[in-house]
Amino acid sequence: MSSTLPQLYLHDHLLARRQVFKLFGAGFHIYADDGRLLAYSKQKAFKLKEDIRVFADEAQSHELLVIKADRILDFSAAYQVTDGQSGEHYGTLRRKGWKSMFRDSWEILDSNGVVRGRVLEDGGFKSFMRRVHGLVALMFPQKFLIEVGEQTVGTMTQNFNPFVQKYSVDLSLDTNDLLPRPLAIATVVLLLAIEGRQQGGGFDFG
């Protein structure tokens, strides 16, 4: 990673928003809490293996991250996260396929392939009900806990909006820098892309 950190990695509080009203693929925006755009992410269409890029702006002039799946089906896929410029491998996010049928569950692996943390959807019962009844999803918005070891280092909470999928992200809990910020950002983008697609994603009109 460059010695000059992108603005995206310097903010603890973010708003992540999915834009799915697109002809091909999907787009995601990440904003600072003051409304500034920090990143734009593009999920490529018609790819047999998931290929997601994160850019510093909508012009896609500076690529920050590359997130690629290791297999065609995303049921239990592992997604390698690398720097968009240097190719440095930050780590891998691995979806726990069977567990995610009832409660979204991911593993966070470091660059050596060692499991260091996990991402869990909150509330076993609420998560199950979200899958069987759309009204429950509106009554109990999703919340994800990002953990390293036994410590919660971040949260991702869905904002109530039936049309636009938005998440408030809090990474301020990681006071000891246990999770590399690029890997934390990749986690946010993947949850929007993969778990959001399961829910239909909503419609974004602006």
N, C-alpha and C. Protein backbone atom coordinates (compact mmCIF):
# COMPACT_ATOMS: atom_id res chain seq x y z
N MET A 1 0.84 -1.18 0.00
CA MET A 1 0.00 0.00 0.00
C MET A 1 0.88 1.24 0.00
N SER A 2 0.40 2.27 -0.68
CA SER A 2 1.16 3.51 -0.78
C SER A 2 1.39 4.11 0.59
N SER A 3 2.51 4.85 0.73
CA SER A 3 2.82 5.50 2.00
C SER A 3 1.81 6.59 2.31
N THR A 4 1.13 7.11 1.28
CA THR A 4 0.06 8.08 1.47
C THR A 4 -1.27 7.34 1.51
N LEU A 5 -1.86 7.25 2.68
CA LEU A 5 -3.08 6.49 2.83
C LEU A 5 -4.26 7.18 2.15
N PRO A 6 -5.06 6.44 1.42
CA PRO A 6 -6.28 7.02 0.84
C PRO A 6 -7.20 7.52 1.94
N GLN A 7 -7.97 8.56 1.64
CA GLN A 7 -8.92 9.10 2.61
C GLN A 7 -9.88 8.04 3.12
N LEU A 8 -10.19 7.08 2.28
CA LEU A 8 -11.11 6.01 2.65
C LEU A 8 -10.67 5.28 3.91
N TYR A 9 -9.36 5.16 4.13
CA TYR A 9 -8.84 4.39 5.25
C TYR A 9 -8.65 5.22 6.52
N LEU A 10 -8.98 6.49 6.44
CA LEU A 10 -8.72 7.39 7.57
C LEU A 10 -9.97 7.73 8.36
N HIS A 11 -11.11 7.18 7.96
CA HIS A 11 -12.38 7.50 8.61
C HIS A 11 -12.93 6.29 9.36
N ASP A 12 -13.39 6.53 10.58
CA ASP A 12 -13.94 5.46 11.40
C ASP A 12 -15.44 5.27 11.18
N HIS A 13 -16.12 6.33 10.76
CA HIS A 13 -17.57 6.28 10.58
C HIS A 13 -17.91 6.52 9.11
N LEU A 14 -18.63 5.57 8.53
CA LEU A 14 -18.91 5.60 7.10
C LEU A 14 -20.37 5.28 6.83
N LEU A 15 -20.85 5.72 5.67
CA LEU A 15 -22.15 5.31 5.18
C LEU A 15 -21.93 4.58 3.86
N ALA A 16 -22.32 3.32 3.83
CA ALA A 16 -22.16 2.50 2.61
C ALA A 16 -23.53 2.32 1.97
N ARG A 17 -23.60 2.60 0.69
CA ARG A 17 -24.89 2.61 -0.01
C ARG A 17 -24.79 1.82 -1.29
N ARG A 18 -25.75 0.94 -1.50
CA ARG A 18 -25.79 0.10 -2.70
C ARG A 18 -26.63 0.76 -3.78
N GLN A 19 -26.11 0.81 -4.98
CA GLN A 19 -26.84 1.31 -6.13
C GLN A 19 -27.08 0.13 -7.07
N VAL A 20 -28.31 -0.33 -7.15
CA VAL A 20 -28.58 -1.51 -7.97
C VAL A 20 -29.49 -1.21 -9.15
N PHE A 21 -29.94 0.01 -9.28
CA PHE A 21 -30.78 0.35 -10.42
C PHE A 21 -29.88 0.62 -11.62
N LYS A 22 -29.24 -0.45 -12.09
CA LYS A 22 -28.29 -0.39 -13.19
C LYS A 22 -28.62 -1.49 -14.19
N LEU A 23 -28.28 -1.23 -15.44
CA LEU A 23 -28.55 -2.24 -16.46
C LEU A 23 -27.66 -3.46 -16.29
N PHE A 24 -26.38 -3.22 -15.96
CA PHE A 24 -25.43 -4.32 -15.84
C PHE A 24 -24.61 -4.15 -14.56
N GLY A 25 -24.46 -5.25 -13.84
CA GLY A 25 -23.66 -5.21 -12.63
C GLY A 25 -24.33 -4.39 -11.54
N ALA A 26 -23.54 -3.93 -10.59
CA ALA A 26 -24.05 -3.13 -9.48
C ALA A 26 -22.97 -2.15 -9.04
N GLY A 27 -23.39 -1.10 -8.38
CA GLY A 27 -22.44 -0.10 -7.90
C GLY A 27 -22.68 0.19 -6.43
N PHE A 28 -21.63 0.65 -5.75
CA PHE A 28 -21.71 0.94 -4.33
C PHE A 28 -20.95 2.24 -4.07
N HIS A 29 -21.49 3.05 -3.17
CA HIS A 29 -20.84 4.29 -2.77
C HIS A 29 -20.53 4.24 -1.29
N ILE A 30 -19.39 4.76 -0.91
CA ILE A 30 -19.01 4.87 0.50
C ILE A 30 -18.73 6.33 0.80
N TYR A 31 -19.43 6.86 1.81
CA TYR A 31 -19.33 8.27 2.16
C TYR A 31 -18.77 8.44 3.56
N ALA A 32 -18.12 9.58 3.79
CA ALA A 32 -17.74 9.97 5.14
C ALA A 32 -18.98 10.46 5.86
N ASP A 33 -18.90 10.62 7.18
CA ASP A 33 -20.09 11.04 7.92
C ASP A 33 -20.48 12.48 7.62
N ASP A 34 -19.60 13.24 6.94
CA ASP A 34 -19.96 14.60 6.54
C ASP A 34 -20.51 14.65 5.11
N GLY A 35 -20.70 13.47 4.49
CA GLY A 35 -21.31 13.41 3.18
C GLY A 35 -20.34 13.35 2.01
N ARG A 36 -19.05 13.43 2.27
CA ARG A 36 -18.07 13.36 1.18
C ARG A 36 -17.95 11.95 0.63
N LEU A 37 -17.89 11.85 -0.68
CA LEU A 37 -17.70 10.54 -1.30
C LEU A 37 -16.25 10.11 -1.12
N LEU A 38 -16.05 8.92 -0.55
CA LEU A 38 -14.71 8.41 -0.32
C LEU A 38 -14.33 7.29 -1.28
N ALA A 39 -15.34 6.58 -1.80
CA ALA A 39 -15.04 5.47 -2.69
C ALA A 39 -16.27 5.09 -3.50
N TYR A 40 -16.00 4.56 -4.67
CA TYR A 40 -17.03 3.98 -5.53
C TYR A 40 -16.58 2.57 -5.88
N SER A 41 -17.49 1.62 -5.73
CA SER A 41 -17.17 0.24 -6.02
C SER A 41 -18.05 -0.28 -7.14
N LYS A 42 -17.45 -1.08 -8.01
CA LYS A 42 -18.16 -1.61 -9.16
C LYS A 42 -18.10 -3.13 -9.16
N GLN A 43 -19.27 -3.75 -9.22
CA GLN A 43 -19.39 -5.20 -9.31
C GLN A 43 -19.63 -5.55 -10.78
N LYS A 44 -18.66 -6.22 -11.38
CA LYS A 44 -18.74 -6.49 -12.81
C LYS A 44 -19.84 -7.49 -13.13
N ALA A 45 -20.53 -7.23 -14.24
CA ALA A 45 -21.59 -8.14 -14.69
C ALA A 45 -21.02 -9.24 -15.57
N PHE A 46 -21.76 -10.35 -15.67
CA PHE A 46 -21.44 -11.45 -16.57
C PHE A 46 -20.08 -12.09 -16.29
N LYS A 47 -19.65 -12.06 -15.03
CA LYS A 47 -18.41 -12.72 -14.65
C LYS A 47 -18.74 -14.04 -13.97
N LEU A 48 -18.10 -15.13 -14.43
CA LEU A 48 -18.33 -16.43 -13.81
C LEU A 48 -17.82 -16.45 -12.37
N LYS A 49 -16.72 -15.73 -12.14
CA LYS A 49 -16.20 -15.57 -10.79
C LYS A 49 -16.38 -14.10 -10.39
N GLU A 50 -16.85 -13.88 -9.17
CA GLU A 50 -17.09 -12.52 -8.70
C GLU A 50 -15.83 -11.67 -8.80
N ASP A 51 -15.98 -10.47 -9.35
CA ASP A 51 -14.86 -9.55 -9.54
C ASP A 51 -15.34 -8.16 -9.17
N ILE A 52 -14.89 -7.65 -8.02
CA ILE A 52 -15.34 -6.36 -7.51
C ILE A 52 -14.14 -5.44 -7.36
N ARG A 53 -14.28 -4.22 -7.84
CA ARG A 53 -13.20 -3.23 -7.74
C ARG A 53 -13.67 -2.05 -6.91
N VAL A 54 -12.76 -1.48 -6.12
CA VAL A 54 -13.05 -0.30 -5.31
C VAL A 54 -12.15 0.83 -5.77
N PHE A 55 -12.76 1.95 -6.14
CA PHE A 55 -12.04 3.11 -6.67
C PHE A 55 -12.17 4.31 -5.72
N ALA A 56 -11.27 5.26 -5.87
CA ALA A 56 -11.29 6.44 -5.03
C ALA A 56 -12.39 7.42 -5.45
N ASP A 57 -12.92 7.27 -6.67
CA ASP A 57 -13.97 8.19 -7.14
C ASP A 57 -14.81 7.50 -8.21
N GLU A 58 -15.91 8.15 -8.60
CA GLU A 58 -16.80 7.58 -9.60
C GLU A 58 -16.16 7.53 -10.98
N ALA A 59 -15.16 8.36 -11.23
CA ALA A 59 -14.47 8.33 -12.52
C ALA A 59 -13.62 7.08 -12.67
N GLN A 60 -13.43 6.35 -11.58
CA GLN A 60 -12.67 5.11 -11.57
C GLN A 60 -11.23 5.33 -12.06
N SER A 61 -10.67 6.48 -11.66
CA SER A 61 -9.33 6.85 -12.11
C SER A 61 -8.23 6.25 -11.24
N HIS A 62 -8.59 5.87 -10.01
CA HIS A 62 -7.58 5.33 -9.10
C HIS A 62 -8.16 4.11 -8.39
N GLU A 63 -7.64 2.93 -8.72
CA GLU A 63 -8.15 1.70 -8.14
C GLU A 63 -7.50 1.44 -6.79
N LEU A 64 -8.32 1.25 -5.76
CA LEU A 64 -7.82 1.03 -4.42
C LEU A 64 -7.74 -0.45 -4.06
N LEU A 65 -8.80 -1.19 -4.37
CA LEU A 65 -8.87 -2.59 -3.97
C LEU A 65 -9.42 -3.46 -5.08
N VAL A 66 -8.98 -4.71 -5.09
CA VAL A 66 -9.52 -5.74 -5.99
C VAL A 66 -10.00 -6.88 -5.11
N ILE A 67 -11.24 -7.30 -5.31
CA ILE A 67 -11.83 -8.40 -4.54
C ILE A 67 -12.28 -9.46 -5.52
N LYS A 68 -11.64 -10.63 -5.48
CA LYS A 68 -11.94 -11.69 -6.45
C LYS A 68 -12.27 -13.00 -5.76
N ALA A 69 -13.29 -13.67 -6.29
CA ALA A 69 -13.69 -14.97 -5.76
C ALA A 69 -12.80 -16.07 -6.30
N ASP A 70 -12.68 -17.16 -5.53
CA ASP A 70 -11.85 -18.28 -5.94
C ASP A 70 -12.64 -19.36 -6.68
N ARG A 71 -13.96 -19.16 -6.82
CA ARG A 71 -14.77 -20.16 -7.50
C ARG A 71 -15.99 -19.50 -8.13
N ILE A 72 -16.68 -20.24 -8.97
CA ILE A 72 -17.81 -19.69 -9.70
C ILE A 72 -18.99 -19.43 -8.77
N LEU A 73 -19.39 -20.42 -7.99
CA LEU A 73 -20.52 -20.26 -7.09
C LEU A 73 -20.09 -19.55 -5.82
N ASP A 74 -20.91 -18.61 -5.33
CA ASP A 74 -20.53 -17.85 -4.15
C ASP A 74 -21.05 -18.45 -2.85
N PHE A 75 -21.60 -19.66 -2.90
CA PHE A 75 -22.19 -20.29 -1.72
C PHE A 75 -21.17 -20.41 -0.59
N SER A 76 -19.98 -20.86 -0.91
CA SER A 76 -18.92 -20.97 0.10
C SER A 76 -17.60 -20.43 -0.46
N ALA A 77 -17.70 -19.39 -1.24
CA ALA A 77 -16.52 -18.86 -1.91
C ALA A 77 -15.60 -18.13 -0.95
N ALA A 78 -14.32 -18.06 -1.32
CA ALA A 78 -13.33 -17.24 -0.62
C ALA A 78 -12.96 -16.10 -1.55
N TYR A 79 -12.87 -14.90 -0.98
CA TYR A 79 -12.62 -13.69 -1.78
C TYR A 79 -11.28 -13.09 -1.37
N GLN A 80 -10.32 -13.12 -2.28
CA GLN A 80 -9.01 -12.55 -2.00
C GLN A 80 -9.06 -11.03 -2.18
N VAL A 81 -8.45 -10.33 -1.23
CA VAL A 81 -8.43 -8.86 -1.24
C VAL A 81 -7.01 -8.38 -1.47
N THR A 82 -6.80 -7.65 -2.55
CA THR A 82 -5.46 -7.16 -2.89
C THR A 82 -5.49 -5.66 -3.17
N ASP A 83 -4.34 -5.03 -3.02
CA ASP A 83 -4.20 -3.61 -3.32
C ASP A 83 -4.31 -3.39 -4.82
N GLY A 84 -5.08 -2.38 -5.23
CA GLY A 84 -5.32 -2.14 -6.64
C GLY A 84 -4.10 -1.63 -7.40
N GLN A 85 -3.10 -1.12 -6.68
CA GLN A 85 -1.90 -0.60 -7.34
C GLN A 85 -0.71 -1.54 -7.21
N SER A 86 -0.41 -1.98 -6.00
CA SER A 86 0.79 -2.80 -5.77
C SER A 86 0.53 -4.29 -5.91
N GLY A 87 -0.74 -4.70 -5.80
CA GLY A 87 -1.05 -6.12 -5.82
C GLY A 87 -0.83 -6.81 -4.49
N GLU A 88 -0.49 -6.04 -3.45
CA GLU A 88 -0.28 -6.62 -2.13
C GLU A 88 -1.53 -7.35 -1.65
N HIS A 89 -1.34 -8.56 -1.13
CA HIS A 89 -2.46 -9.37 -0.65
C HIS A 89 -2.71 -9.05 0.82
N TYR A 90 -3.89 -8.48 1.11
CA TYR A 90 -4.21 -8.10 2.48
C TYR A 90 -4.79 -9.27 3.28
N GLY A 91 -5.49 -10.16 2.59
CA GLY A 91 -6.14 -11.26 3.27
C GLY A 91 -7.30 -11.79 2.45
N THR A 92 -8.12 -12.61 3.08
CA THR A 92 -9.21 -13.28 2.38
C THR A 92 -10.45 -13.28 3.26
N LEU A 93 -11.59 -13.14 2.61
CA LEU A 93 -12.87 -13.25 3.30
C LEU A 93 -13.57 -14.50 2.77
N ARG A 94 -13.91 -15.41 3.67
CA ARG A 94 -14.48 -16.70 3.27
C ARG A 94 -15.89 -16.86 3.84
N ARG A 95 -16.81 -17.07 2.93
CA ARG A 95 -18.21 -17.20 3.32
C ARG A 95 -18.48 -18.61 3.84
N LYS A 96 -19.17 -18.68 4.98
CA LYS A 96 -19.56 -19.96 5.56
C LYS A 96 -20.93 -20.32 5.00
N GLY A 97 -20.93 -21.08 3.90
CA GLY A 97 -22.12 -21.29 3.11
C GLY A 97 -23.31 -21.86 3.85
N TRP A 98 -23.13 -23.00 4.52
CA TRP A 98 -24.26 -23.63 5.19
C TRP A 98 -24.77 -22.78 6.34
N LYS A 99 -23.86 -22.21 7.10
CA LYS A 99 -24.28 -21.37 8.22
C LYS A 99 -25.02 -20.13 7.73
N SER A 100 -24.62 -19.61 6.56
CA SER A 100 -25.22 -18.38 6.06
C SER A 100 -26.63 -18.58 5.54
N MET A 101 -27.07 -19.83 5.43
CA MET A 101 -28.46 -20.07 5.03
C MET A 101 -29.42 -19.55 6.08
N PHE A 102 -28.99 -19.54 7.33
CA PHE A 102 -29.86 -19.12 8.43
C PHE A 102 -29.34 -17.86 9.13
N ARG A 103 -28.04 -17.64 9.06
CA ARG A 103 -27.43 -16.47 9.70
C ARG A 103 -26.12 -16.19 8.98
N ASP A 104 -26.02 -15.02 8.35
CA ASP A 104 -24.84 -14.71 7.55
C ASP A 104 -23.58 -14.84 8.39
N SER A 105 -22.59 -15.57 7.85
CA SER A 105 -21.38 -15.85 8.60
C SER A 105 -20.18 -15.88 7.66
N TRP A 106 -19.12 -15.16 8.01
CA TRP A 106 -17.90 -15.10 7.22
C TRP A 106 -16.69 -15.29 8.13
N GLU A 107 -15.61 -15.78 7.54
CA GLU A 107 -14.33 -15.83 8.23
C GLU A 107 -13.38 -14.81 7.61
N ILE A 108 -12.54 -14.22 8.45
CA ILE A 108 -11.52 -13.27 8.00
C ILE A 108 -10.16 -13.94 8.14
N LEU A 109 -9.46 -14.10 7.03
CA LEU A 109 -8.14 -14.73 7.03
C LEU A 109 -7.08 -13.69 6.72
N ASP A 110 -5.91 -13.82 7.35
CA ASP A 110 -4.82 -12.90 7.06
C ASP A 110 -4.12 -13.30 5.76
N SER A 111 -3.07 -12.61 5.41
CA SER A 111 -2.39 -12.84 4.13
C SER A 111 -1.73 -14.22 4.06
N ASN A 112 -1.56 -14.87 5.22
CA ASN A 112 -0.98 -16.22 5.25
C ASN A 112 -2.04 -17.31 5.29
N GLY A 113 -3.31 -16.92 5.22
CA GLY A 113 -4.38 -17.90 5.21
C GLY A 113 -4.83 -18.36 6.59
N VAL A 114 -4.39 -17.66 7.63
CA VAL A 114 -4.76 -18.01 9.00
C VAL A 114 -6.03 -17.25 9.39
N VAL A 115 -7.01 -17.97 9.94
CA VAL A 115 -8.26 -17.33 10.36
C VAL A 115 -7.99 -16.42 11.56
N ARG A 116 -8.30 -15.14 11.40
CA ARG A 116 -8.06 -14.16 12.47
C ARG A 116 -9.34 -13.61 13.06
N GLY A 117 -10.43 -13.70 12.31
CA GLY A 117 -11.67 -13.11 12.80
C GLY A 117 -12.87 -13.64 12.05
N ARG A 118 -14.00 -13.02 12.32
CA ARG A 118 -15.23 -13.44 11.68
C ARG A 118 -16.20 -12.27 11.58
N VAL A 119 -17.21 -12.46 10.72
CA VAL A 119 -18.30 -11.50 10.58
C VAL A 119 -19.58 -12.27 10.79
N LEU A 120 -20.42 -11.80 11.71
CA LEU A 120 -21.66 -12.49 12.04
C LEU A 120 -22.84 -11.55 11.97
N GLU A 121 -23.93 -12.02 11.39
CA GLU A 121 -25.19 -11.31 11.45
C GLU A 121 -25.74 -11.43 12.87
N ASP A 122 -26.32 -10.35 13.37
CA ASP A 122 -26.82 -10.39 14.74
C ASP A 122 -28.10 -11.21 14.85
N GLY A 123 -28.36 -11.74 16.03
CA GLY A 123 -29.62 -12.37 16.35
C GLY A 123 -29.99 -13.58 15.52
N GLY A 124 -29.76 -14.77 16.03
CA GLY A 124 -30.08 -15.97 15.28
C GLY A 124 -31.53 -16.05 14.84
N PHE A 125 -32.48 -15.77 15.78
CA PHE A 125 -33.90 -15.86 15.45
C PHE A 125 -34.30 -14.78 14.45
N LYS A 126 -33.85 -13.54 14.71
CA LYS A 126 -34.21 -12.45 13.80
C LYS A 126 -33.64 -12.69 12.41
N SER A 127 -32.42 -13.20 12.32
CA SER A 127 -31.81 -13.45 11.02
C SER A 127 -32.59 -14.51 10.25
N PHE A 128 -33.07 -15.54 10.97
CA PHE A 128 -33.86 -16.58 10.32
C PHE A 128 -35.18 -16.01 9.82
N MET A 129 -35.84 -15.18 10.62
CA MET A 129 -37.12 -14.62 10.23
C MET A 129 -36.99 -13.65 9.06
N ARG A 130 -35.85 -12.98 8.96
CA ARG A 130 -35.64 -12.09 7.82
C ARG A 130 -35.69 -12.86 6.51
N ARG A 131 -35.30 -14.12 6.56
CA ARG A 131 -35.24 -14.93 5.35
C ARG A 131 -36.60 -15.51 4.94
N VAL A 132 -37.53 -15.53 5.88
CA VAL A 132 -38.82 -16.14 5.57
C VAL A 132 -39.94 -15.13 5.41
N HIS A 133 -39.69 -13.88 5.82
CA HIS A 133 -40.75 -12.89 5.71
C HIS A 133 -40.14 -11.50 5.52
N GLY A 134 -40.48 -10.87 4.39
CA GLY A 134 -39.90 -9.57 4.06
C GLY A 134 -40.25 -8.49 5.07
N LEU A 135 -41.44 -8.58 5.69
CA LEU A 135 -41.83 -7.56 6.65
C LEU A 135 -40.92 -7.56 7.86
N VAL A 136 -40.45 -8.73 8.25
CA VAL A 136 -39.54 -8.83 9.40
C VAL A 136 -38.23 -8.10 9.09
N ALA A 137 -37.79 -8.18 7.85
CA ALA A 137 -36.55 -7.50 7.45
C ALA A 137 -36.67 -6.00 7.64
N LEU A 138 -37.89 -5.45 7.45
CA LEU A 138 -38.10 -4.02 7.66
C LEU A 138 -38.19 -3.70 9.15
N MET A 139 -38.78 -4.61 9.91
CA MET A 139 -38.94 -4.37 11.35
C MET A 139 -37.62 -4.52 12.10
N PHE A 140 -36.77 -5.45 11.65
CA PHE A 140 -35.49 -5.71 12.32
C PHE A 140 -34.36 -5.61 11.31
N PRO A 141 -33.90 -4.40 11.01
CA PRO A 141 -32.80 -4.23 10.05
C PRO A 141 -31.57 -5.04 10.45
N GLN A 142 -30.81 -5.45 9.45
CA GLN A 142 -29.63 -6.26 9.70
C GLN A 142 -28.55 -5.49 10.45
N LYS A 143 -27.81 -6.21 11.27
CA LYS A 143 -26.60 -5.67 11.88
C LYS A 143 -25.54 -6.75 11.84
N PHE A 144 -24.35 -6.38 11.40
CA PHE A 144 -23.23 -7.31 11.34
C PHE A 144 -22.19 -6.90 12.38
N LEU A 145 -21.63 -7.89 13.04
CA LEU A 145 -20.53 -7.67 13.98
C LEU A 145 -19.25 -8.18 13.34
N ILE A 146 -18.22 -7.34 13.31
CA ILE A 146 -16.92 -7.71 12.77
C ILE A 146 -15.99 -7.94 13.96
N GLU A 147 -15.50 -9.17 14.09
CA GLU A 147 -14.72 -9.54 15.27
C GLU A 147 -13.34 -10.05 14.88
N VAL A 148 -12.36 -9.72 15.68
CA VAL A 148 -11.01 -10.28 15.58
C VAL A 148 -10.67 -10.83 16.95
N GLY A 149 -10.37 -12.14 16.99
CA GLY A 149 -10.22 -12.77 18.29
C GLY A 149 -11.55 -12.72 19.02
N GLU A 150 -11.54 -12.24 20.23
CA GLU A 150 -12.77 -12.10 21.01
C GLU A 150 -13.26 -10.66 21.05
N GLN A 151 -12.63 -9.80 20.24
CA GLN A 151 -12.97 -8.37 20.31
C GLN A 151 -13.77 -7.93 19.09
N THR A 152 -14.85 -7.20 19.33
CA THR A 152 -15.62 -6.60 18.25
C THR A 152 -14.88 -5.34 17.79
N VAL A 153 -14.46 -5.33 16.53
CA VAL A 153 -13.67 -4.21 16.01
C VAL A 153 -14.49 -3.32 15.08
N GLY A 154 -15.71 -3.73 14.75
CA GLY A 154 -16.53 -2.92 13.88
C GLY A 154 -17.96 -3.43 13.83
N THR A 155 -18.87 -2.55 13.45
CA THR A 155 -20.26 -2.92 13.25
C THR A 155 -20.75 -2.32 11.94
N MET A 156 -21.75 -2.96 11.38
CA MET A 156 -22.35 -2.51 10.12
C MET A 156 -23.85 -2.68 10.29
N THR A 157 -24.58 -1.56 10.40
CA THR A 157 -25.99 -1.58 10.74
C THR A 157 -26.82 -1.03 9.59
N GLN A 158 -27.81 -1.80 9.16
CA GLN A 158 -28.66 -1.39 8.04
C GLN A 158 -29.59 -0.26 8.46
N ASN A 159 -29.64 0.78 7.64
CA ASN A 159 -30.57 1.88 7.87
C ASN A 159 -31.95 1.49 7.36
N PHE A 160 -32.99 1.92 8.06
CA PHE A 160 -34.34 1.59 7.63
C PHE A 160 -34.69 2.36 6.37
N ASN A 161 -34.79 1.65 5.26
CA ASN A 161 -35.18 2.24 3.98
C ASN A 161 -35.57 1.10 3.05
N PRO A 162 -36.86 1.00 2.66
CA PRO A 162 -37.30 -0.13 1.82
C PRO A 162 -36.84 -0.03 0.38
N PHE A 163 -36.30 1.12 -0.03
CA PHE A 163 -35.94 1.31 -1.44
C PHE A 163 -34.44 1.35 -1.69
N VAL A 164 -33.69 1.88 -0.74
CA VAL A 164 -32.24 2.01 -0.92
C VAL A 164 -31.54 1.27 0.21
N GLN A 165 -30.66 0.35 -0.15
CA GLN A 165 -29.93 -0.40 0.87
C GLN A 165 -28.74 0.42 1.35
N LYS A 166 -28.77 0.80 2.62
CA LYS A 166 -27.71 1.60 3.22
C LYS A 166 -27.28 0.98 4.54
N TYR A 167 -26.00 1.12 4.84
CA TYR A 167 -25.47 0.64 6.11
C TYR A 167 -24.61 1.73 6.76
N SER A 168 -24.81 1.92 8.05
CA SER A 168 -23.92 2.77 8.83
C SER A 168 -22.79 1.89 9.37
N VAL A 169 -21.57 2.30 9.12
CA VAL A 169 -20.39 1.50 9.49
C VAL A 169 -19.62 2.22 10.58
N ASP A 170 -19.30 1.49 11.64
CA ASP A 170 -18.51 2.03 12.75
C ASP A 170 -17.27 1.17 12.94
N LEU A 171 -16.11 1.73 12.60
CA LEU A 171 -14.85 1.02 12.77
C LEU A 171 -14.01 1.60 13.91
N SER A 172 -14.62 2.48 14.69
CA SER A 172 -13.89 3.14 15.78
C SER A 172 -13.58 2.20 16.93
N LEU A 173 -14.24 1.04 16.95
CA LEU A 173 -14.01 0.07 18.03
C LEU A 173 -12.64 -0.60 17.93
N ASP A 174 -12.02 -0.52 16.74
CA ASP A 174 -10.73 -1.17 16.52
C ASP A 174 -9.60 -0.26 17.01
N THR A 175 -9.54 -0.07 18.31
CA THR A 175 -8.57 0.87 18.89
C THR A 175 -7.14 0.35 18.84
N ASN A 176 -6.96 -0.96 18.67
CA ASN A 176 -5.63 -1.54 18.63
C ASN A 176 -5.20 -1.94 17.21
N ASP A 177 -5.93 -1.47 16.21
CA ASP A 177 -5.60 -1.76 14.81
C ASP A 177 -5.44 -3.25 14.55
N LEU A 178 -6.40 -4.03 15.02
CA LEU A 178 -6.35 -5.48 14.84
C LEU A 178 -6.70 -5.91 13.42
N LEU A 179 -7.52 -5.12 12.74
CA LEU A 179 -7.96 -5.46 11.39
C LEU A 179 -7.45 -4.41 10.42
N PRO A 180 -6.60 -4.80 9.44
CA PRO A 180 -6.12 -3.83 8.45
C PRO A 180 -7.30 -3.11 7.80
N ARG A 181 -7.22 -1.80 7.71
CA ARG A 181 -8.36 -1.03 7.22
C ARG A 181 -8.80 -1.45 5.80
N PRO A 182 -7.87 -1.75 4.87
CA PRO A 182 -8.34 -2.21 3.55
C PRO A 182 -9.20 -3.47 3.64
N LEU A 183 -8.85 -4.38 4.55
CA LEU A 183 -9.63 -5.60 4.71
C LEU A 183 -10.99 -5.30 5.33
N ALA A 184 -11.04 -4.32 6.22
CA ALA A 184 -12.31 -3.90 6.81
C ALA A 184 -13.23 -3.30 5.73
N ILE A 185 -12.66 -2.48 4.85
CA ILE A 185 -13.45 -1.88 3.77
C ILE A 185 -13.95 -2.96 2.81
N ALA A 186 -13.10 -3.93 2.51
CA ALA A 186 -13.51 -5.03 1.63
C ALA A 186 -14.66 -5.81 2.25
N THR A 187 -14.65 -5.95 3.57
CA THR A 187 -15.74 -6.64 4.26
C THR A 187 -17.05 -5.90 4.05
N VAL A 188 -17.02 -4.59 4.18
CA VAL A 188 -18.23 -3.77 3.97
C VAL A 188 -18.75 -3.93 2.55
N VAL A 189 -17.87 -3.84 1.59
CA VAL A 189 -18.28 -3.94 0.18
C VAL A 189 -18.86 -5.32 -0.13
N LEU A 190 -18.22 -6.36 0.38
CA LEU A 190 -18.70 -7.72 0.11
C LEU A 190 -20.07 -7.97 0.72
N LEU A 191 -20.29 -7.47 1.93
CA LEU A 191 -21.60 -7.66 2.55
C LEU A 191 -22.68 -6.95 1.74
N LEU A 192 -22.36 -5.79 1.20
CA LEU A 192 -23.31 -5.09 0.33
C LEU A 192 -23.56 -5.89 -0.94
N ALA A 193 -22.51 -6.42 -1.51
CA ALA A 193 -22.60 -7.09 -2.81
C ALA A 193 -23.25 -8.46 -2.73
N ILE A 194 -22.82 -9.27 -1.78
CA ILE A 194 -23.27 -10.66 -1.71
C ILE A 194 -24.54 -10.81 -0.88
N GLU A 195 -24.52 -10.32 0.34
CA GLU A 195 -25.70 -10.47 1.18
C GLU A 195 -26.83 -9.57 0.68
N GLY A 196 -26.46 -8.39 0.16
CA GLY A 196 -27.47 -7.49 -0.37
C GLY A 196 -28.18 -8.07 -1.58
N ARG A 197 -27.46 -8.81 -2.40
CA ARG A 197 -28.06 -9.43 -3.57
C ARG A 197 -29.09 -10.46 -3.18
N GLN A 198 -28.87 -11.14 -2.04
CA GLN A 198 -29.83 -12.13 -1.56
C GLN A 198 -31.15 -11.48 -1.20
N GLN A 199 -31.08 -10.23 -0.73
CA GLN A 199 -32.28 -9.55 -0.28
C GLN A 199 -32.96 -8.78 -1.41
N GLY A 200 -32.35 -8.78 -2.59
CA GLY A 200 -32.95 -8.05 -3.70
C GLY A 200 -32.35 -6.69 -3.90
N GLY A 201 -31.68 -6.13 -2.83
CA GLY A 201 -30.91 -4.93 -3.00
C GLY A 201 -31.67 -3.64 -2.99
N GLY A 202 -32.98 -3.62 -3.25
CA GLY A 202 -33.72 -2.37 -3.28
C GLY A 202 -33.52 -1.64 -4.58
N PHE A 203 -34.07 -0.42 -4.66
CA PHE A 203 -33.95 0.39 -5.88
C PHE A 203 -33.39 1.74 -5.49
N ASP A 204 -32.38 2.15 -6.19
CA ASP A 204 -31.70 3.40 -5.91
C ASP A 204 -31.98 4.36 -7.04
N PHE A 205 -32.69 5.44 -6.73
CA PHE A 205 -33.04 6.41 -7.77
C PHE A 205 -32.21 7.68 -7.66
N GLY A 206 -31.14 7.64 -6.92
CA GLY A 206 -30.28 8.81 -6.86
C GLY A 206 -29.44 8.83 -5.61
